[in-house]
Amino acid sequence: MKASGESQRKSQGTATLRITATAARRGHGEGSVYRDAANGTWVGAISLGWRPDSSRIRRKVIGRTKTEVRDKLKKLQAEADAGLKTSASYTVAKAVDDWAAEALDGLADKTVRSHVDLLRPVTMLIGNIPLRDLTAHDVRRALNELAKERSTRTMASTPMC
């Protein structure tokens, strides 16, 4: 009787089972992990969908060990499932610029300038932080810093998007 992943061997009348270790395949959408022989590192890759020109969007992570790459790949998959923009170069300042361009579309120019001008001191303090690394503590620290030199009215009218 052979079961999957097992082989049978008889030894002097007693049956012994030897379990052979077989690598489990990764499921669809779980990405791939492979060894890069040129660099001596492990690489994990995940597909995040397709571009309008029909080319695949792939993100890669690199690590010293296979376990490290698997962990990074799981984190990347969780971010993708949550719908986060995971680019390390997508900063708070870029997100504010995108928000001003898209979310404020249709408002008067003066209103848009007012919102952007109110957010400028905040982006000067935390604008270089990648958006995926931004924490509530970072925002609270920046707002507390601004509250020291700004009026309560200015702080209350700062748009919290």
N, C-alpha and C. Protein backbone atom coordinates (compact mmCIF):
# COMPACT_ATOMS: atom_id res chain seq x y z
N MET A 1 0.83 -1.18 0.00
CA MET A 1 0.00 0.00 0.00
C MET A 1 0.87 1.24 0.00
N LYS A 2 0.86 1.92 -1.07
CA LYS A 2 1.63 3.17 -1.15
C LYS A 2 0.69 4.35 -0.98
N ALA A 3 1.06 5.22 -0.08
CA ALA A 3 0.30 6.47 0.08
C ALA A 3 1.12 7.58 -0.53
N SER A 4 0.49 8.70 -0.76
CA SER A 4 1.22 9.80 -1.37
C SER A 4 2.33 10.25 -0.44
N GLY A 5 3.52 10.36 -0.94
CA GLY A 5 4.66 10.81 -0.15
C GLY A 5 5.27 9.70 0.69
N GLU A 6 4.80 8.47 0.53
CA GLU A 6 5.35 7.38 1.32
C GLU A 6 5.82 6.27 0.38
N SER A 7 6.78 5.51 0.84
CA SER A 7 7.19 4.32 0.12
C SER A 7 7.28 3.18 1.13
N GLN A 8 7.05 1.94 0.67
CA GLN A 8 7.02 0.80 1.58
C GLN A 8 8.26 -0.04 1.37
N ARG A 9 8.79 -0.57 2.49
CA ARG A 9 9.98 -1.41 2.43
C ARG A 9 9.80 -2.50 3.47
N LYS A 10 10.11 -3.78 3.12
CA LYS A 10 10.02 -4.87 4.08
C LYS A 10 11.41 -5.19 4.61
N SER A 11 11.47 -5.43 5.91
CA SER A 11 12.74 -5.75 6.53
C SER A 11 12.54 -6.93 7.46
N GLN A 12 12.93 -8.14 7.04
CA GLN A 12 12.87 -9.39 7.80
C GLN A 12 11.50 -9.60 8.43
N GLY A 13 10.47 -9.54 7.61
CA GLY A 13 9.14 -9.87 8.07
C GLY A 13 8.38 -8.72 8.73
N THR A 14 9.03 -7.68 9.11
CA THR A 14 8.31 -6.56 9.71
C THR A 14 8.25 -5.44 8.68
N ALA A 15 7.10 -4.85 8.58
CA ALA A 15 6.91 -3.78 7.60
C ALA A 15 7.33 -2.45 8.23
N THR A 16 8.17 -1.74 7.55
CA THR A 16 8.55 -0.40 8.00
C THR A 16 8.19 0.59 6.92
N LEU A 17 7.66 1.69 7.34
CA LEU A 17 7.31 2.75 6.40
C LEU A 17 8.38 3.82 6.43
N ARG A 18 8.81 4.21 5.28
CA ARG A 18 9.76 5.31 5.18
C ARG A 18 9.04 6.46 4.50
N ILE A 19 9.00 7.59 5.18
CA ILE A 19 8.32 8.75 4.62
C ILE A 19 9.35 9.58 3.87
N THR A 20 9.07 9.80 2.63
CA THR A 20 9.97 10.62 1.84
C THR A 20 9.45 12.05 1.86
N ALA A 21 10.33 12.97 2.06
CA ALA A 21 9.95 14.38 2.11
C ALA A 21 9.80 14.90 0.68
N THR A 22 8.61 15.33 0.37
CA THR A 22 8.38 15.94 -0.93
C THR A 22 8.00 17.39 -0.72
N ALA A 23 8.54 18.23 -1.53
CA ALA A 23 8.26 19.66 -1.41
C ALA A 23 6.84 19.93 -1.88
N ALA A 24 6.10 20.66 -1.08
CA ALA A 24 4.73 21.01 -1.45
C ALA A 24 4.78 22.13 -2.48
N ARG A 25 3.88 22.04 -3.42
CA ARG A 25 3.80 23.09 -4.44
C ARG A 25 3.06 24.28 -3.87
N ARG A 26 3.45 25.44 -4.32
CA ARG A 26 2.75 26.65 -3.91
C ARG A 26 1.46 26.75 -4.72
N GLY A 27 0.42 27.26 -4.11
CA GLY A 27 -0.86 27.38 -4.78
C GLY A 27 -0.88 28.54 -5.75
N HIS A 28 -1.96 28.62 -6.52
CA HIS A 28 -2.12 29.71 -7.47
C HIS A 28 -2.19 31.04 -6.73
N GLY A 29 -1.44 32.02 -7.20
CA GLY A 29 -1.46 33.34 -6.60
C GLY A 29 -0.55 33.49 -5.39
N GLU A 30 0.18 32.44 -5.03
CA GLU A 30 1.06 32.51 -3.86
C GLU A 30 2.48 32.92 -4.22
N GLY A 31 2.76 33.08 -5.50
CA GLY A 31 4.08 33.51 -5.91
C GLY A 31 5.05 32.36 -6.05
N SER A 32 6.33 32.69 -6.19
CA SER A 32 7.36 31.67 -6.34
C SER A 32 8.59 32.06 -5.53
N VAL A 33 9.34 31.04 -5.12
CA VAL A 33 10.58 31.24 -4.39
C VAL A 33 11.64 30.42 -5.10
N TYR A 34 12.76 31.06 -5.44
CA TYR A 34 13.81 30.34 -6.14
C TYR A 34 15.17 30.91 -5.76
N ARG A 35 16.21 30.15 -6.04
CA ARG A 35 17.58 30.52 -5.71
C ARG A 35 18.21 31.23 -6.90
N ASP A 36 18.82 32.38 -6.67
CA ASP A 36 19.55 33.10 -7.70
C ASP A 36 21.02 32.71 -7.57
N ALA A 37 21.47 31.85 -8.44
CA ALA A 37 22.83 31.32 -8.34
C ALA A 37 23.89 32.39 -8.60
N ALA A 38 23.57 33.37 -9.41
CA ALA A 38 24.55 34.41 -9.74
C ALA A 38 24.91 35.24 -8.51
N ASN A 39 23.92 35.55 -7.68
CA ASN A 39 24.16 36.38 -6.50
C ASN A 39 24.25 35.57 -5.22
N GLY A 40 23.86 34.31 -5.26
CA GLY A 40 23.86 33.49 -4.06
C GLY A 40 22.76 33.87 -3.09
N THR A 41 21.66 34.44 -3.60
CA THR A 41 20.55 34.87 -2.75
C THR A 41 19.28 34.12 -3.15
N TRP A 42 18.29 34.22 -2.29
CA TRP A 42 16.97 33.67 -2.59
C TRP A 42 16.08 34.81 -3.07
N VAL A 43 15.20 34.51 -4.02
CA VAL A 43 14.32 35.50 -4.61
C VAL A 43 12.88 34.98 -4.51
N GLY A 44 11.99 35.86 -4.11
CA GLY A 44 10.57 35.55 -4.10
C GLY A 44 9.87 36.52 -5.03
N ALA A 45 8.94 36.02 -5.81
CA ALA A 45 8.24 36.87 -6.76
C ALA A 45 6.75 36.60 -6.66
N ILE A 46 5.96 37.66 -6.82
CA ILE A 46 4.51 37.55 -6.75
C ILE A 46 3.90 38.37 -7.87
N SER A 47 2.82 37.87 -8.42
CA SER A 47 2.12 38.58 -9.49
C SER A 47 1.00 39.41 -8.88
N LEU A 48 0.96 40.69 -9.24
CA LEU A 48 -0.05 41.60 -8.69
C LEU A 48 -1.10 42.00 -9.72
N GLY A 49 -1.10 41.35 -10.86
CA GLY A 49 -2.10 41.66 -11.88
C GLY A 49 -1.46 41.97 -13.21
N TRP A 50 -2.20 42.69 -14.03
CA TRP A 50 -1.77 42.98 -15.39
C TRP A 50 -1.86 44.46 -15.68
N ARG A 51 -0.92 44.95 -16.47
CA ARG A 51 -0.92 46.33 -16.93
C ARG A 51 -1.83 46.45 -18.15
N PRO A 52 -2.20 47.68 -18.52
CA PRO A 52 -3.04 47.86 -19.72
C PRO A 52 -2.39 47.32 -21.00
N ASP A 53 -1.05 47.26 -21.05
CA ASP A 53 -0.39 46.75 -22.24
C ASP A 53 -0.21 45.22 -22.20
N SER A 54 -0.93 44.55 -21.29
CA SER A 54 -0.95 43.09 -21.15
C SER A 54 0.33 42.50 -20.58
N SER A 55 1.19 43.31 -20.01
CA SER A 55 2.37 42.76 -19.33
C SER A 55 2.03 42.57 -17.86
N ARG A 56 2.65 41.58 -17.24
CA ARG A 56 2.34 41.24 -15.87
C ARG A 56 3.05 42.17 -14.89
N ILE A 57 2.36 42.52 -13.80
CA ILE A 57 2.96 43.32 -12.74
C ILE A 57 3.52 42.34 -11.71
N ARG A 58 4.83 42.31 -11.57
CA ARG A 58 5.47 41.40 -10.61
C ARG A 58 6.30 42.19 -9.63
N ARG A 59 6.21 41.81 -8.37
CA ARG A 59 7.06 42.38 -7.32
C ARG A 59 7.98 41.28 -6.85
N LYS A 60 9.22 41.64 -6.59
CA LYS A 60 10.21 40.67 -6.13
C LYS A 60 10.78 41.11 -4.79
N VAL A 61 11.11 40.12 -3.98
CA VAL A 61 11.81 40.34 -2.72
C VAL A 61 13.04 39.46 -2.72
N ILE A 62 14.09 39.92 -2.06
CA ILE A 62 15.36 39.20 -2.03
C ILE A 62 15.78 39.02 -0.59
N GLY A 63 16.38 37.87 -0.29
CA GLY A 63 16.86 37.61 1.06
C GLY A 63 17.99 36.60 1.06
N ARG A 64 18.63 36.48 2.21
CA ARG A 64 19.74 35.54 2.35
C ARG A 64 19.28 34.10 2.46
N THR A 65 18.14 33.90 3.14
CA THR A 65 17.65 32.55 3.35
C THR A 65 16.28 32.38 2.73
N LYS A 66 15.93 31.14 2.49
CA LYS A 66 14.64 30.83 1.91
C LYS A 66 13.51 31.21 2.87
N THR A 67 13.72 30.99 4.14
CA THR A 67 12.71 31.33 5.15
C THR A 67 12.47 32.84 5.19
N GLU A 68 13.55 33.60 5.13
CA GLU A 68 13.43 35.07 5.13
C GLU A 68 12.61 35.53 3.93
N VAL A 69 12.85 34.95 2.77
CA VAL A 69 12.13 35.33 1.55
C VAL A 69 10.67 34.92 1.65
N ARG A 70 10.39 33.74 2.21
CA ARG A 70 9.00 33.31 2.39
C ARG A 70 8.24 34.30 3.28
N ASP A 71 8.89 34.75 4.37
CA ASP A 71 8.24 35.71 5.27
C ASP A 71 7.97 37.03 4.57
N LYS A 72 8.96 37.52 3.81
CA LYS A 72 8.77 38.76 3.06
C LYS A 72 7.66 38.62 2.03
N LEU A 73 7.59 37.45 1.40
CA LEU A 73 6.57 37.19 0.39
C LEU A 73 5.18 37.16 1.01
N LYS A 74 5.06 36.57 2.21
CA LYS A 74 3.77 36.56 2.91
C LYS A 74 3.34 37.98 3.25
N LYS A 75 4.28 38.80 3.70
CA LYS A 75 3.97 40.20 4.04
C LYS A 75 3.53 40.96 2.79
N LEU A 76 4.23 40.75 1.68
CA LEU A 76 3.89 41.39 0.42
C LEU A 76 2.51 40.95 -0.05
N GLN A 77 2.21 39.67 0.09
CA GLN A 77 0.90 39.15 -0.31
C GLN A 77 -0.20 39.76 0.55
N ALA A 78 0.05 39.90 1.85
CA ALA A 78 -0.95 40.51 2.75
C ALA A 78 -1.19 41.97 2.38
N GLU A 79 -0.14 42.70 2.04
CA GLU A 79 -0.29 44.09 1.61
C GLU A 79 -1.08 44.16 0.31
N ALA A 80 -0.80 43.25 -0.61
CA ALA A 80 -1.52 43.24 -1.89
C ALA A 80 -2.99 42.91 -1.66
N ASP A 81 -3.28 41.97 -0.75
CA ASP A 81 -4.67 41.62 -0.46
C ASP A 81 -5.41 42.77 0.19
N ALA A 82 -4.69 43.58 0.99
CA ALA A 82 -5.31 44.72 1.65
C ALA A 82 -5.47 45.91 0.69
N GLY A 83 -4.86 45.81 -0.50
CA GLY A 83 -5.00 46.87 -1.49
C GLY A 83 -4.06 48.03 -1.27
N LEU A 84 -2.96 47.82 -0.56
CA LEU A 84 -2.01 48.89 -0.30
C LEU A 84 -1.07 49.08 -1.47
N LYS A 85 -0.66 50.33 -1.69
CA LYS A 85 0.41 50.58 -2.65
C LYS A 85 1.71 50.29 -1.91
N THR A 86 2.42 49.29 -2.34
CA THR A 86 3.56 48.83 -1.57
C THR A 86 4.90 49.36 -2.05
N SER A 87 4.88 50.28 -2.97
CA SER A 87 6.13 50.81 -3.46
C SER A 87 6.85 51.58 -2.36
N ALA A 88 8.11 51.29 -2.18
CA ALA A 88 8.89 51.98 -1.15
C ALA A 88 9.13 53.44 -1.52
N SER A 89 8.96 53.77 -2.78
CA SER A 89 9.18 55.16 -3.20
C SER A 89 7.90 56.00 -3.13
N TYR A 90 6.77 55.39 -2.80
CA TYR A 90 5.50 56.13 -2.69
C TYR A 90 5.44 56.73 -1.29
N THR A 91 5.74 58.02 -1.20
CA THR A 91 5.86 58.69 0.09
C THR A 91 4.59 59.44 0.44
N VAL A 92 4.56 59.95 1.66
CA VAL A 92 3.43 60.74 2.13
C VAL A 92 3.25 61.98 1.25
N ALA A 93 4.35 62.63 0.89
CA ALA A 93 4.27 63.82 0.03
C ALA A 93 3.63 63.48 -1.31
N LYS A 94 4.00 62.35 -1.89
CA LYS A 94 3.42 61.93 -3.17
C LYS A 94 1.93 61.63 -3.00
N ALA A 95 1.56 60.99 -1.88
CA ALA A 95 0.16 60.68 -1.62
C ALA A 95 -0.66 61.96 -1.47
N VAL A 96 -0.09 62.97 -0.80
CA VAL A 96 -0.79 64.26 -0.65
C VAL A 96 -0.96 64.92 -2.01
N ASP A 97 0.08 64.86 -2.85
CA ASP A 97 -0.03 65.42 -4.19
C ASP A 97 -1.11 64.72 -5.01
N ASP A 98 -1.15 63.38 -4.93
CA ASP A 98 -2.18 62.62 -5.63
C ASP A 98 -3.57 62.98 -5.12
N TRP A 99 -3.69 63.11 -3.79
CA TRP A 99 -4.97 63.47 -3.18
C TRP A 99 -5.41 64.85 -3.67
N ALA A 100 -4.49 65.79 -3.70
CA ALA A 100 -4.83 67.14 -4.14
C ALA A 100 -5.26 67.15 -5.61
N ALA A 101 -4.63 66.30 -6.41
CA ALA A 101 -4.94 66.27 -7.84
C ALA A 101 -6.26 65.57 -8.12
N GLU A 102 -6.59 64.52 -7.37
CA GLU A 102 -7.76 63.71 -7.68
C GLU A 102 -8.96 63.99 -6.77
N ALA A 103 -8.74 63.99 -5.47
CA ALA A 103 -9.86 64.12 -4.53
C ALA A 103 -10.43 65.53 -4.51
N LEU A 104 -9.61 66.51 -4.79
CA LEU A 104 -10.07 67.89 -4.75
C LEU A 104 -10.50 68.39 -6.12
N ASP A 105 -10.54 67.49 -7.09
CA ASP A 105 -10.94 67.86 -8.43
C ASP A 105 -12.39 68.35 -8.41
N GLY A 106 -12.63 69.46 -9.04
CA GLY A 106 -13.97 70.02 -9.08
C GLY A 106 -14.19 71.14 -8.07
N LEU A 107 -13.25 71.30 -7.14
CA LEU A 107 -13.36 72.40 -6.18
C LEU A 107 -12.72 73.65 -6.77
N ALA A 108 -13.02 74.78 -6.19
CA ALA A 108 -12.44 76.05 -6.65
C ALA A 108 -10.92 76.03 -6.43
N ASP A 109 -10.19 76.70 -7.30
CA ASP A 109 -8.73 76.74 -7.21
C ASP A 109 -8.26 77.27 -5.86
N LYS A 110 -8.96 78.26 -5.35
CA LYS A 110 -8.58 78.85 -4.08
C LYS A 110 -8.73 77.82 -2.94
N THR A 111 -9.78 77.01 -3.00
CA THR A 111 -10.00 75.98 -1.98
C THR A 111 -8.89 74.93 -2.04
N VAL A 112 -8.54 74.52 -3.23
CA VAL A 112 -7.47 73.53 -3.40
C VAL A 112 -6.16 74.09 -2.87
N ARG A 113 -5.83 75.33 -3.23
CA ARG A 113 -4.60 75.95 -2.73
C ARG A 113 -4.61 76.04 -1.21
N SER A 114 -5.76 76.37 -0.64
CA SER A 114 -5.89 76.49 0.81
C SER A 114 -5.59 75.16 1.49
N HIS A 115 -6.17 74.06 0.98
CA HIS A 115 -5.93 72.74 1.56
C HIS A 115 -4.46 72.33 1.42
N VAL A 116 -3.90 72.56 0.26
CA VAL A 116 -2.50 72.19 0.03
C VAL A 116 -1.57 73.03 0.91
N ASP A 117 -1.88 74.32 1.06
CA ASP A 117 -1.06 75.19 1.91
C ASP A 117 -1.15 74.78 3.38
N LEU A 118 -2.33 74.33 3.81
CA LEU A 118 -2.47 73.87 5.19
C LEU A 118 -1.70 72.57 5.44
N LEU A 119 -1.60 71.73 4.42
CA LEU A 119 -0.89 70.45 4.58
C LEU A 119 0.62 70.56 4.36
N ARG A 120 1.07 71.67 3.78
CA ARG A 120 2.49 71.82 3.48
C ARG A 120 3.39 71.64 4.71
N PRO A 121 3.08 72.26 5.87
CA PRO A 121 3.94 72.04 7.04
C PRO A 121 3.97 70.58 7.51
N VAL A 122 2.85 69.89 7.35
CA VAL A 122 2.80 68.47 7.73
C VAL A 122 3.69 67.66 6.80
N THR A 123 3.59 67.94 5.50
CA THR A 123 4.41 67.19 4.55
C THR A 123 5.89 67.53 4.69
N MET A 124 6.20 68.72 5.20
CA MET A 124 7.61 69.04 5.44
C MET A 124 8.17 68.17 6.58
N LEU A 125 7.32 67.82 7.53
CA LEU A 125 7.77 67.02 8.67
C LEU A 125 7.78 65.52 8.37
N ILE A 126 6.74 65.02 7.71
CA ILE A 126 6.64 63.57 7.49
C ILE A 126 6.51 63.19 6.02
N GLY A 127 6.74 64.12 5.12
CA GLY A 127 6.55 63.88 3.69
C GLY A 127 7.51 62.87 3.08
N ASN A 128 8.68 62.69 3.69
CA ASN A 128 9.66 61.77 3.10
C ASN A 128 9.49 60.33 3.60
N ILE A 129 8.55 60.08 4.50
CA ILE A 129 8.31 58.72 5.01
C ILE A 129 7.53 57.93 3.96
N PRO A 130 7.97 56.72 3.64
CA PRO A 130 7.16 55.90 2.72
C PRO A 130 5.77 55.66 3.33
N LEU A 131 4.76 55.73 2.50
CA LEU A 131 3.39 55.64 2.98
C LEU A 131 3.12 54.33 3.70
N ARG A 132 3.73 53.24 3.24
CA ARG A 132 3.48 51.95 3.89
C ARG A 132 4.12 51.86 5.28
N ASP A 133 5.09 52.73 5.57
CA ASP A 133 5.73 52.74 6.88
C ASP A 133 5.15 53.78 7.82
N LEU A 134 4.21 54.58 7.34
CA LEU A 134 3.62 55.64 8.15
C LEU A 134 2.77 55.05 9.26
N THR A 135 2.94 55.57 10.47
CA THR A 135 2.15 55.12 11.61
C THR A 135 1.35 56.29 12.17
N ALA A 136 0.38 55.96 12.98
CA ALA A 136 -0.42 57.00 13.64
C ALA A 136 0.47 57.83 14.56
N HIS A 137 1.49 57.20 15.14
CA HIS A 137 2.43 57.91 16.00
C HIS A 137 3.17 59.00 15.23
N ASP A 138 3.57 58.71 13.99
CA ASP A 138 4.25 59.71 13.15
C ASP A 138 3.36 60.92 12.91
N VAL A 139 2.09 60.67 12.59
CA VAL A 139 1.15 61.75 12.31
C VAL A 139 0.90 62.57 13.57
N ARG A 140 0.67 61.88 14.68
CA ARG A 140 0.40 62.57 15.95
C ARG A 140 1.61 63.42 16.36
N ARG A 141 2.82 62.90 16.18
CA ARG A 141 4.04 63.64 16.52
C ARG A 141 4.14 64.91 15.67
N ALA A 142 3.85 64.78 14.37
CA ALA A 142 3.92 65.94 13.47
C ALA A 142 2.87 66.98 13.85
N LEU A 143 1.66 66.54 14.16
CA LEU A 143 0.61 67.48 14.53
C LEU A 143 0.91 68.16 15.86
N ASN A 144 1.47 67.43 16.81
CA ASN A 144 1.86 68.03 18.09
C ASN A 144 2.96 69.07 17.89
N GLU A 145 3.87 68.78 17.00
CA GLU A 145 4.95 69.73 16.69
C GLU A 145 4.39 71.01 16.08
N LEU A 146 3.43 70.84 15.18
CA LEU A 146 2.82 72.01 14.53
C LEU A 146 1.94 72.79 15.51
N ALA A 147 1.32 72.11 16.45
CA ALA A 147 0.42 72.78 17.40
C ALA A 147 1.18 73.75 18.30
N LYS A 148 2.48 73.54 18.45
CA LYS A 148 3.29 74.43 19.28
C LYS A 148 3.39 75.83 18.68
N GLU A 149 3.34 75.93 17.35
CA GLU A 149 3.54 77.23 16.70
C GLU A 149 2.36 77.69 15.85
N ARG A 150 1.30 76.90 15.77
CA ARG A 150 0.14 77.25 14.95
C ARG A 150 -1.07 77.47 15.85
N SER A 151 -2.03 78.21 15.34
CA SER A 151 -3.25 78.48 16.10
C SER A 151 -4.16 77.26 16.11
N THR A 152 -5.07 77.24 17.05
CA THR A 152 -6.03 76.14 17.15
C THR A 152 -6.92 76.09 15.91
N ARG A 153 -7.28 77.24 15.39
CA ARG A 153 -8.12 77.30 14.20
C ARG A 153 -7.40 76.66 13.00
N THR A 154 -6.13 76.95 12.84
CA THR A 154 -5.36 76.38 11.74
C THR A 154 -5.28 74.87 11.88
N MET A 155 -5.05 74.39 13.11
CA MET A 155 -4.95 72.96 13.34
C MET A 155 -6.29 72.27 13.10
N ALA A 156 -7.38 72.92 13.47
CA ALA A 156 -8.71 72.32 13.29
C ALA A 156 -9.09 72.28 11.82
N SER A 157 -8.63 73.22 11.03
CA SER A 157 -9.02 73.24 9.62
C SER A 157 -8.09 72.43 8.73
N THR A 158 -7.02 71.85 9.30
CA THR A 158 -6.14 71.00 8.51
C THR A 158 -6.91 69.76 8.10
N PRO A 159 -7.02 69.49 6.81
CA PRO A 159 -7.82 68.34 6.37
C PRO A 159 -7.17 67.03 6.78
N MET A 160 -7.94 66.20 7.46
CA MET A 160 -7.46 64.88 7.87
C MET A 160 -8.05 63.86 6.92
N CYS A 161 -7.31 63.54 5.87
CA CYS A 161 -7.82 62.63 4.89
C CYS A 161 -7.43 61.21 5.23
